[in-house]
Amino acid sequence: MGLGYWSLSAFLKHSSKKAVNFISDFEQGIVEYIHQDQCHGVIAGHVHHPAITIINGVIYANCGDFVENLTAIVETMDGNLLLINCQNIEHPLPQG
């Protein structure tokens, strides 16, 4: 039909106030938990909500998922984390 990628389940999750509150509570809870262990950051994926942000001085990275969001987290050669959206990749990834 010529339309771009669109996920109904992602739309419904992100538009529901209850889902948005759950995601926020998850982010805050995991950051508080790892902050107690004096960690610098966390990489999560449980709520499938892609993000790289700093919450209360802790790096919070969530890879999202590859089904609804087409996202992943990669580490660059210099150690930085990047959130990539594979929907925006113009060239196909190598096979095998």
PDB file of N, CA and C in Angstrom:
ATOM      1  N   MET A   1       0.819  -1.208   0.000  1.00  0.00           N
ATOM      2  CA  MET A   1       0.000   0.000   0.000  1.00  0.00           C
ATOM      3  C   MET A   1       0.857   1.264   0.000  1.00  0.00           C
ATOM      4  N   GLY A   2       2.162   1.097   0.089  1.00  0.00           N
ATOM      5  CA  GLY A   2       3.045   2.253   0.041  1.00  0.00           C
ATOM      6  C   GLY A   2       3.187   3.012   1.345  1.00  0.00           C
ATOM      7  N   LEU A   3       2.621   2.495   2.419  1.00  0.00           N
ATOM      8  CA  LEU A   3       2.715   3.169   3.705  1.00  0.00           C
ATOM      9  C   LEU A   3       3.962   2.704   4.437  1.00  0.00           C
ATOM     10  N   GLY A   4       4.497   3.555   5.318  1.00  0.00           N
ATOM     11  CA  GLY A   4       5.651   3.190   6.120  1.00  0.00           C
ATOM     12  C   GLY A   4       5.268   2.234   7.234  1.00  0.00           C
ATOM     13  N   TYR A   5       6.264   1.734   7.930  1.00  0.00           N
ATOM     14  CA  TYR A   5       6.047   0.799   9.032  1.00  0.00           C
ATOM     15  C   TYR A   5       5.269   1.488  10.152  1.00  0.00           C
ATOM     16  N   TRP A   6       4.277   0.796  10.689  1.00  0.00           N
ATOM     17  CA  TRP A   6       3.481   1.319  11.798  1.00  0.00           C
ATOM     18  C   TRP A   6       2.990   0.139  12.622  1.00  0.00           C
ATOM     19  N   SER A   7       3.171   0.211  13.926  1.00  0.00           N
ATOM     20  CA  SER A   7       2.776  -0.886  14.802  1.00  0.00           C
ATOM     21  C   SER A   7       1.549  -0.484  15.615  1.00  0.00           C
ATOM     22  N   LEU A   8       0.457  -1.228  15.434  1.00  0.00           N
ATOM     23  CA  LEU A   8      -0.764  -0.959  16.188  1.00  0.00           C
ATOM     24  C   LEU A   8      -0.541  -1.184  17.670  1.00  0.00           C
ATOM     25  N   SER A   9       0.140  -2.279  18.036  1.00  0.00           N
ATOM     26  CA  SER A   9       0.346  -2.562  19.461  1.00  0.00           C
ATOM     27  C   SER A   9       1.208  -1.491  20.113  1.00  0.00           C
ATOM     28  N   ALA A  10       2.233  -0.994  19.420  1.00  0.00           N
ATOM     29  CA  ALA A  10       3.064   0.080  19.981  1.00  0.00           C
ATOM     30  C   ALA A  10       2.241   1.350  20.163  1.00  0.00           C
ATOM     31  N   PHE A  11       1.413   1.677  19.180  1.00  0.00           N
ATOM     32  CA  PHE A  11       0.560   2.860  19.276  1.00  0.00           C
ATOM     33  C   PHE A  11      -0.365   2.772  20.485  1.00  0.00           C
ATOM     34  N   LEU A  12      -1.005   1.622  20.655  1.00  0.00           N
ATOM     35  CA  LEU A  12      -1.935   1.455  21.773  1.00  0.00           C
ATOM     36  C   LEU A  12      -1.228   1.521  23.118  1.00  0.00           C
ATOM     37  N   LYS A  13      -0.041   0.894  23.207  1.00  0.00           N
ATOM     38  CA  LYS A  13       0.704   0.925  24.472  1.00  0.00           C
ATOM     39  C   LYS A  13       1.124   2.336  24.836  1.00  0.00           C
ATOM     40  N   HIS A  14       1.630   3.081  23.869  1.00  0.00           N
ATOM     41  CA  HIS A  14       2.162   4.407  24.151  1.00  0.00           C
ATOM     42  C   HIS A  14       1.061   5.459  24.311  1.00  0.00           C
ATOM     43  N   SER A  15      -0.143   5.153  23.870  1.00  0.00           N
ATOM     44  CA  SER A  15      -1.231   6.121  24.020  1.00  0.00           C
ATOM     45  C   SER A  15      -2.058   5.865  25.273  1.00  0.00           C
ATOM     46  N   SER A  16      -1.850   4.735  25.904  1.00  0.00           N
ATOM     47  CA  SER A  16      -2.578   4.414  27.118  1.00  0.00           C
ATOM     48  C   SER A  16      -1.882   5.025  28.328  1.00  0.00           C
ATOM     49  N   LYS A  17      -2.596   5.818  29.103  1.00  0.00           N
ATOM     50  CA  LYS A  17      -2.013   6.468  30.275  1.00  0.00           C
ATOM     51  C   LYS A  17      -1.478   5.436  31.267  1.00  0.00           C
ATOM     52  N   LYS A  18      -2.188   4.340  31.415  1.00  0.00           N
ATOM     53  CA  LYS A  18      -1.755   3.294  32.333  1.00  0.00           C
ATOM     54  C   LYS A  18      -0.411   2.712  31.883  1.00  0.00           C
ATOM     55  N   ALA A  19      -0.263   2.483  30.589  1.00  0.00           N
ATOM     56  CA  ALA A  19       0.991   1.949  30.057  1.00  0.00           C
ATOM     57  C   ALA A  19       2.130   2.948  30.237  1.00  0.00           C
ATOM     58  N   VAL A  20       1.848   4.223  29.966  1.00  0.00           N
ATOM     59  CA  VAL A  20       2.860   5.266  30.126  1.00  0.00           C
ATOM     60  C   VAL A  20       3.309   5.349  31.584  1.00  0.00           C
ATOM     61  N   ASN A  21       2.369   5.279  32.518  1.00  0.00           N
ATOM     62  CA  ASN A  21       2.720   5.312  33.938  1.00  0.00           C
ATOM     63  C   ASN A  21       3.536   4.089  34.326  1.00  0.00           C
ATOM     64  N   PHE A  22       3.198   2.921  33.775  1.00  0.00           N
ATOM     65  CA  PHE A  22       3.952   1.703  34.058  1.00  0.00           C
ATOM     66  C   PHE A  22       5.399   1.852  33.603  1.00  0.00           C
ATOM     67  N   ILE A  23       5.599   2.383  32.403  1.00  0.00           N
ATOM     68  CA  ILE A  23       6.950   2.573  31.869  1.00  0.00           C
ATOM     69  C   ILE A  23       7.740   3.524  32.753  1.00  0.00           C
ATOM     70  N   SER A  24       7.133   4.635  33.129  1.00  0.00           N
ATOM     71  CA  SER A  24       7.805   5.606  33.997  1.00  0.00           C
ATOM     72  C   SER A  24       8.153   5.001  35.348  1.00  0.00           C
ATOM     73  N   ASP A  25       7.218   4.261  35.925  1.00  0.00           N
ATOM     74  CA  ASP A  25       7.476   3.604  37.215  1.00  0.00           C
ATOM     75  C   ASP A  25       8.606   2.591  37.090  1.00  0.00           C
ATOM     76  N   PHE A  26       8.639   1.843  35.984  1.00  0.00           N
ATOM     77  CA  PHE A  26       9.694   0.864  35.755  1.00  0.00           C
ATOM     78  C   PHE A  26      11.048   1.563  35.688  1.00  0.00           C
ATOM     79  N   GLU A  27      11.137   2.635  34.892  1.00  0.00           N
ATOM     80  CA  GLU A  27      12.390   3.368  34.742  1.00  0.00           C
ATOM     81  C   GLU A  27      12.877   3.898  36.087  1.00  0.00           C
ATOM     82  N   GLN A  28      11.979   4.535  36.839  1.00  0.00           N
ATOM     83  CA  GLN A  28      12.357   5.086  38.143  1.00  0.00           C
ATOM     84  C   GLN A  28      12.780   3.983  39.106  1.00  0.00           C
ATOM     85  N   GLY A  29      12.041   2.891  39.121  1.00  0.00           N
ATOM     86  CA  GLY A  29      12.337   1.795  40.039  1.00  0.00           C
ATOM     87  C   GLY A  29      13.676   1.149  39.770  1.00  0.00           C
ATOM     88  N   ILE A  30      13.968   0.884  38.508  1.00  0.00           N
ATOM     89  CA  ILE A  30      15.233   0.225  38.191  1.00  0.00           C
ATOM     90  C   ILE A  30      16.411   1.151  38.444  1.00  0.00           C
ATOM     91  N   VAL A  31      16.243   2.446  38.188  1.00  0.00           N
ATOM     92  CA  VAL A  31      17.316   3.406  38.451  1.00  0.00           C
ATOM     93  C   VAL A  31      17.571   3.509  39.947  1.00  0.00           C
ATOM     94  N   GLU A  32      16.521   3.560  40.756  1.00  0.00           N
ATOM     95  CA  GLU A  32      16.701   3.602  42.212  1.00  0.00           C
ATOM     96  C   GLU A  32      17.401   2.340  42.703  1.00  0.00           C
ATOM     97  N   TYR A  33      17.026   1.191  42.154  1.00  0.00           N
ATOM     98  CA  TYR A  33      17.613  -0.080  42.568  1.00  0.00           C
ATOM     99  C   TYR A  33      19.108  -0.125  42.261  1.00  0.00           C
ATOM    100  N   ILE A  34      19.505   0.251  41.044  1.00  0.00           N
ATOM    101  CA  ILE A  34      20.924   0.166  40.711  1.00  0.00           C
ATOM    102  C   ILE A  34      21.728   1.293  41.338  1.00  0.00           C
ATOM    103  N   HIS A  35      21.071   2.407  41.623  1.00  0.00           N
ATOM    104  CA  HIS A  35      21.750   3.522  42.287  1.00  0.00           C
ATOM    105  C   HIS A  35      22.228   3.083  43.672  1.00  0.00           C
ATOM    106  N   GLN A  36      21.454   2.238  44.343  1.00  0.00           N
ATOM    107  CA  GLN A  36      21.835   1.719  45.664  1.00  0.00           C
ATOM    108  C   GLN A  36      23.110   0.894  45.576  1.00  0.00           C
ATOM    109  N   ASP A  37      23.325   0.224  44.448  1.00  0.00           N
ATOM    110  CA  ASP A  37      24.529  -0.585  44.249  1.00  0.00           C
ATOM    111  C   ASP A  37      25.672   0.226  43.657  1.00  0.00           C
ATOM    112  N   GLN A  38      25.494   1.536  43.588  1.00  0.00           N
ATOM    113  CA  GLN A  38      26.492   2.482  43.080  1.00  0.00           C
ATOM    114  C   GLN A  38      26.930   2.164  41.649  1.00  0.00           C
ATOM    115  N   CYS A  39      25.967   1.740  40.832  1.00  0.00           N
ATOM    116  CA  CYS A  39      26.240   1.499  39.415  1.00  0.00           C
ATOM    117  C   CYS A  39      26.126   2.811  38.648  1.00  0.00           C
ATOM    118  N   HIS A  40      26.763   2.871  37.507  1.00  0.00           N
ATOM    119  CA  HIS A  40      26.732   4.080  36.686  1.00  0.00           C
ATOM    120  C   HIS A  40      25.588   4.070  35.689  1.00  0.00           C
ATOM    121  N   GLY A  41      25.084   2.861  35.375  1.00  0.00           N
ATOM    122  CA  GLY A  41      24.027   2.799  34.385  1.00  0.00           C
ATOM    123  C   GLY A  41      23.421   1.417  34.297  1.00  0.00           C
ATOM    124  N   VAL A  42      22.380   1.334  33.497  1.00  0.00           N
ATOM    125  CA  VAL A  42      21.665   0.081  33.300  1.00  0.00           C
ATOM    126  C   VAL A  42      21.167   0.021  31.858  1.00  0.00           C
ATOM    127  N   ILE A  43      21.213  -1.193  31.298  1.00  0.00           N
ATOM    128  CA  ILE A  43      20.599  -1.435  29.990  1.00  0.00           C
ATOM    129  C   ILE A  43      19.442  -2.391  30.229  1.00  0.00           C
ATOM    130  N   ALA A  44      18.251  -1.978  29.851  1.00  0.00           N
ATOM    131  CA  ALA A  44      17.049  -2.768  30.079  1.00  0.00           C
ATOM    132  C   ALA A  44      16.324  -2.971  28.761  1.00  0.00           C
ATOM    133  N   GLY A  45      15.346  -3.841  28.787  1.00  0.00           N
ATOM    134  CA  GLY A  45      14.536  -4.047  27.597  1.00  0.00           C
ATOM    135  C   GLY A  45      13.142  -4.510  27.944  1.00  0.00           C
ATOM    136  N   HIS A  46      12.861  -4.658  29.225  1.00  0.00           N
ATOM    137  CA  HIS A  46      11.625  -5.284  29.666  1.00  0.00           C
ATOM    138  C   HIS A  46      10.362  -4.582  29.161  1.00  0.00           C
ATOM    139  N   VAL A  47      10.337  -3.277  29.158  1.00  0.00           N
ATOM    140  CA  VAL A  47       9.111  -2.566  28.780  1.00  0.00           C
ATOM    141  C   VAL A  47       9.074  -2.193  27.296  1.00  0.00           C
ATOM    142  N   HIS A  48      10.101  -2.554  26.549  1.00  0.00           N
ATOM    143  CA  HIS A  48      10.138  -2.373  25.092  1.00  0.00           C
ATOM    144  C   HIS A  48       9.977  -0.915  24.675  1.00  0.00           C
ATOM    145  N   HIS A  49      10.351   0.007  25.535  1.00  0.00           N
ATOM    146  CA  HIS A  49      10.243   1.440  25.238  1.00  0.00           C
ATOM    147  C   HIS A  49      11.649   1.985  25.017  1.00  0.00           C
ATOM    148  N   PRO A  50      12.068   2.199  23.766  1.00  0.00           N
ATOM    149  CA  PRO A  50      13.448   2.583  23.488  1.00  0.00           C
ATOM    150  C   PRO A  50      13.806   3.955  24.060  1.00  0.00           C
ATOM    151  N   ALA A  51      14.961   4.007  24.727  1.00  0.00           N
ATOM    152  CA  ALA A  51      15.412   5.270  25.309  1.00  0.00           C
ATOM    153  C   ALA A  51      16.853   5.165  25.766  1.00  0.00           C
ATOM    154  N   ILE A  52      17.564   6.262  25.669  1.00  0.00           N
ATOM    155  CA  ILE A  52      18.832   6.444  26.369  1.00  0.00           C
ATOM    156  C   ILE A  52      18.723   7.807  27.029  1.00  0.00           C
ATOM    157  N   THR A  53      18.787   7.803  28.353  1.00  0.00           N
ATOM    158  CA  THR A  53      18.607   9.045  29.099  1.00  0.00           C
ATOM    159  C   THR A  53      19.359   8.947  30.419  1.00  0.00           C
ATOM    160  N   ILE A  54      19.457  10.047  31.100  1.00  0.00           N
ATOM    161  CA  ILE A  54      20.052  10.067  32.432  1.00  0.00           C
ATOM    162  C   ILE A  54      18.936  10.376  33.424  1.00  0.00           C
ATOM    163  N   ILE A  55      18.763   9.478  34.390  1.00  0.00           N
ATOM    164  CA  ILE A  55      17.739   9.632  35.419  1.00  0.00           C
ATOM    165  C   ILE A  55      18.449   9.650  36.768  1.00  0.00           C
ATOM    166  N   ASN A  56      18.332  10.751  37.482  1.00  0.00           N
ATOM    167  CA  ASN A  56      18.982  10.907  38.789  1.00  0.00           C
ATOM    168  C   ASN A  56      20.464  10.557  38.740  1.00  0.00           C
ATOM    169  N   GLY A  57      21.137  10.983  37.683  1.00  0.00           N
ATOM    170  CA  GLY A  57      22.570  10.765  37.546  1.00  0.00           C
ATOM    171  C   GLY A  57      22.974   9.387  37.058  1.00  0.00           C
ATOM    172  N   VAL A  58      22.005   8.537  36.716  1.00  0.00           N
ATOM    173  CA  VAL A  58      22.276   7.174  36.251  1.00  0.00           C
ATOM    174  C   VAL A  58      21.887   7.071  34.779  1.00  0.00           C
ATOM    175  N   ILE A  59      22.758   6.465  33.973  1.00  0.00           N
ATOM    176  CA  ILE A  59      22.440   6.244  32.567  1.00  0.00           C
ATOM    177  C   ILE A  59      21.410   5.121  32.474  1.00  0.00           C
ATOM    178  N   TYR A  60      20.280   5.413  31.870  1.00  0.00           N
ATOM    179  CA  TYR A  60      19.230   4.416  31.643  1.00  0.00           C
ATOM    180  C   TYR A  60      19.116   4.210  30.146  1.00  0.00           C
ATOM    181  N   ALA A  61      19.366   2.985  29.708  1.00  0.00           N
ATOM    182  CA  ALA A  61      19.255   2.652  28.293  1.00  0.00           C
ATOM    183  C   ALA A  61      18.286   1.487  28.141  1.00  0.00           C
ATOM    184  N   ASN A  62      17.331   1.641  27.247  1.00  0.00           N
ATOM    185  CA  ASN A  62      16.384   0.570  26.969  1.00  0.00           C
ATOM    186  C   ASN A  62      16.409   0.341  25.466  1.00  0.00           C
ATOM    187  N   CYS A  63      16.714  -0.893  25.080  1.00  0.00           N
ATOM    188  CA  CYS A  63      16.876  -1.204  23.653  1.00  0.00           C
ATOM    189  C   CYS A  63      15.560  -1.231  22.889  1.00  0.00           C
ATOM    190  N   GLY A  64      14.444  -1.183  23.596  1.00  0.00           N
ATOM    191  CA  GLY A  64      13.160  -1.281  22.916  1.00  0.00           C
ATOM    192  C   GLY A  64      12.948  -2.712  22.477  1.00  0.00           C
ATOM    193  N   ASP A  65      12.620  -2.910  21.225  1.00  0.00           N
ATOM    194  CA  ASP A  65      12.476  -4.254  20.683  1.00  0.00           C
ATOM    195  C   ASP A  65      12.536  -4.167  19.169  1.00  0.00           C
ATOM    196  N   PHE A  66      12.707  -5.302  18.555  1.00  0.00           N
ATOM    197  CA  PHE A  66      12.869  -5.316  17.109  1.00  0.00           C
ATOM    198  C   PHE A  66      11.572  -5.622  16.378  1.00  0.00           C
ATOM    199  N   VAL A  67      10.505  -5.913  17.115  1.00  0.00           N
ATOM    200  CA  VAL A  67       9.241  -6.239  16.468  1.00  0.00           C
ATOM    201  C   VAL A  67       8.370  -4.995  16.316  1.00  0.00           C
ATOM    202  N   GLU A  68       8.136  -4.282  17.425  1.00  0.00           N
ATOM    203  CA  GLU A  68       7.266  -3.109  17.376  1.00  0.00           C
ATOM    204  C   GLU A  68       8.007  -1.839  16.981  1.00  0.00           C
ATOM    205  N   ASN A  69       9.205  -1.646  17.529  1.00  0.00           N
ATOM    206  CA  ASN A  69       9.910  -0.383  17.349  1.00  0.00           C
ATOM    207  C   ASN A  69      11.060  -0.431  16.358  1.00  0.00           C
ATOM    208  N   LEU A  70      11.520  -1.628  16.016  1.00  0.00           N
ATOM    209  CA  LEU A  70      12.671  -1.808  15.124  1.00  0.00           C
ATOM    210  C   LEU A  70      13.910  -1.102  15.668  1.00  0.00           C
ATOM    211  N   THR A  71      14.125  -1.190  16.984  1.00  0.00           N
ATOM    212  CA  THR A  71      15.233  -0.486  17.623  1.00  0.00           C
ATOM    213  C   THR A  71      16.214  -1.458  18.274  1.00  0.00           C
ATOM    214  N   ALA A  72      17.409  -0.949  18.491  1.00  0.00           N
ATOM    215  CA  ALA A  72      18.459  -1.704  19.167  1.00  0.00           C
ATOM    216  C   ALA A  72      19.444  -0.707  19.757  1.00  0.00           C
ATOM    217  N   ILE A  73      20.236  -1.172  20.717  1.00  0.00           N
ATOM    218  CA  ILE A  73      21.309  -0.352  21.280  1.00  0.00           C
ATOM    219  C   ILE A  73      22.622  -0.961  20.816  1.00  0.00           C
ATOM    220  N   VAL A  74      23.512  -0.113  20.343  1.00  0.00           N
ATOM    221  CA  VAL A  74      24.836  -0.548  19.925  1.00  0.00           C
ATOM    222  C   VAL A  74      25.879   0.257  20.682  1.00  0.00           C
ATOM    223  N   GLU A  75      27.030  -0.356  20.862  1.00  0.00           N
ATOM    224  CA  GLU A  75      28.153   0.346  21.478  1.00  0.00           C
ATOM    225  C   GLU A  75      29.155   0.682  20.384  1.00  0.00           C
ATOM    226  N   THR A  76      29.560   1.939  20.326  1.00  0.00           N
ATOM    227  CA  THR A  76      30.530   2.357  19.321  1.00  0.00           C
ATOM    228  C   THR A  76      31.926   1.915  19.753  1.00  0.00           C
ATOM    229  N   MET A  77      32.873   2.016  18.856  1.00  0.00           N
ATOM    230  CA  MET A  77      34.249   1.622  19.148  1.00  0.00           C
ATOM    231  C   MET A  77      34.849   2.459  20.285  1.00  0.00           C
ATOM    232  N   ASP A  78      34.340   3.677  20.486  1.00  0.00           N
ATOM    233  CA  ASP A  78      34.859   4.507  21.576  1.00  0.00           C
ATOM    234  C   ASP A  78      34.042   4.377  22.858  1.00  0.00           C
ATOM    235  N   GLY A  79      33.140   3.391  22.924  1.00  0.00           N
ATOM    236  CA  GLY A  79      32.439   3.086  24.163  1.00  0.00           C
ATOM    237  C   GLY A  79      31.130   3.817  24.388  1.00  0.00           C
ATOM    238  N   ASN A  80      30.676   4.584  23.441  1.00  0.00           N
ATOM    239  CA  ASN A  80      29.396   5.280  23.578  1.00  0.00           C
ATOM    240  C   ASN A  80      28.249   4.354  23.192  1.00  0.00           C
ATOM    241  N   LEU A  81      27.107   4.545  23.844  1.00  0.00           N
ATOM    242  CA  LEU A  81      25.908   3.793  23.491  1.00  0.00           C
ATOM    243  C   LEU A  81      25.062   4.617  22.533  1.00  0.00           C
ATOM    244  N   LEU A  82      24.535   3.962  21.505  1.00  0.00           N
ATOM    245  CA  LEU A  82      23.648   4.617  20.549  1.00  0.00           C
ATOM    246  C   LEU A  82      22.370   3.816  20.424  1.00  0.00           C
ATOM    247  N   LEU A  83      21.261   4.495  20.377  1.00  0.00           N
ATOM    248  CA  LEU A  83      19.973   3.875  20.108  1.00  0.00           C
ATOM    249  C   LEU A  83      19.735   4.023  18.611  1.00  0.00           C
ATOM    250  N   ILE A  84      19.623   2.896  17.925  1.00  0.00           N
ATOM    251  CA  ILE A  84      19.415   2.964  16.482  1.00  0.00           C
ATOM    252  C   ILE A  84      18.013   2.478  16.146  1.00  0.00           C
ATOM    253  N   ASN A  85      17.450   3.086  15.130  1.00  0.00           N
ATOM    254  CA  ASN A  85      16.157   2.680  14.606  1.00  0.00           C
ATOM    255  C   ASN A  85      16.412   2.064  13.241  1.00  0.00           C
ATOM    256  N   CYS A  86      16.216   0.770  13.154  1.00  0.00           N
ATOM    257  CA  CYS A  86      16.532   0.048  11.919  1.00  0.00           C
ATOM    258  C   CYS A  86      15.563   0.370  10.794  1.00  0.00           C
ATOM    259  N   GLN A  87      14.479   1.033  11.099  1.00  0.00           N
ATOM    260  CA  GLN A  87      13.544   1.465  10.061  1.00  0.00           C
ATOM    261  C   GLN A  87      14.211   2.513   9.178  1.00  0.00           C
ATOM    262  N   ASN A  88      15.173   3.237   9.747  1.00  0.00           N
ATOM    263  CA  ASN A  88      15.840   4.319   9.015  1.00  0.00           C
ATOM    264  C   ASN A  88      17.089   3.865   8.277  1.00  0.00           C
ATOM    265  N   ILE A  89      17.445   2.580   8.356  1.00  0.00           N
ATOM    266  CA  ILE A  89      18.623   2.078   7.655  1.00  0.00           C
ATOM    267  C   ILE A  89      18.277   1.925   6.180  1.00  0.00           C
ATOM    268  N   GLU A  90      19.052   2.595   5.328  1.00  0.00           N
ATOM    269  CA  GLU A  90      18.753   2.564   3.902  1.00  0.00           C
ATOM    270  C   GLU A  90      19.311   1.339   3.199  1.00  0.00           C
ATOM    271  N   HIS A  91      20.393   0.778   3.741  1.00  0.00           N
ATOM    272  CA  HIS A  91      21.033  -0.361   3.094  1.00  0.00           C
ATOM    273  C   HIS A  91      20.768  -1.608   3.943  1.00  0.00           C
ATOM    274  N   PRO A  92      20.451  -2.719   3.308  1.00  0.00           N
ATOM    275  CA  PRO A  92      20.198  -3.933   4.081  1.00  0.00           C
ATOM    276  C   PRO A  92      21.456  -4.406   4.816  1.00  0.00           C
ATOM    277  N   LEU A  93      21.251  -5.028   5.957  1.00  0.00           N
ATOM    278  CA  LEU A  93      22.356  -5.577   6.722  1.00  0.00           C
ATOM    279  C   LEU A  93      22.921  -6.797   5.996  1.00  0.00           C
ATOM    280  N   PRO A  94      24.219  -7.079   6.147  1.00  0.00           N
ATOM    281  CA  PRO A  94      24.794  -8.253   5.484  1.00  0.00           C
ATOM    282  C   PRO A  94      24.147  -9.538   5.960  1.00  0.00           C
ATOM    283  N   GLN A  95      23.987 -10.484   5.062  1.00  0.00           N
ATOM    284  CA  GLN A  95      23.395 -11.774   5.390  1.00  0.00           C
ATOM    285  C   GLN A  95      24.459 -12.699   5.959  1.00  0.00           C
ATOM    286  N   GLY A  96      24.020 -13.588   6.898  1.00  0.00           N
ATOM    287  CA  GLY A  96      24.878 -14.645   7.430  1.00  0.00           C
ATOM    288  C   GLY A  96      25.885 -14.135   8.350  1.00  0.00           C
TER     289      GLY A  96
END
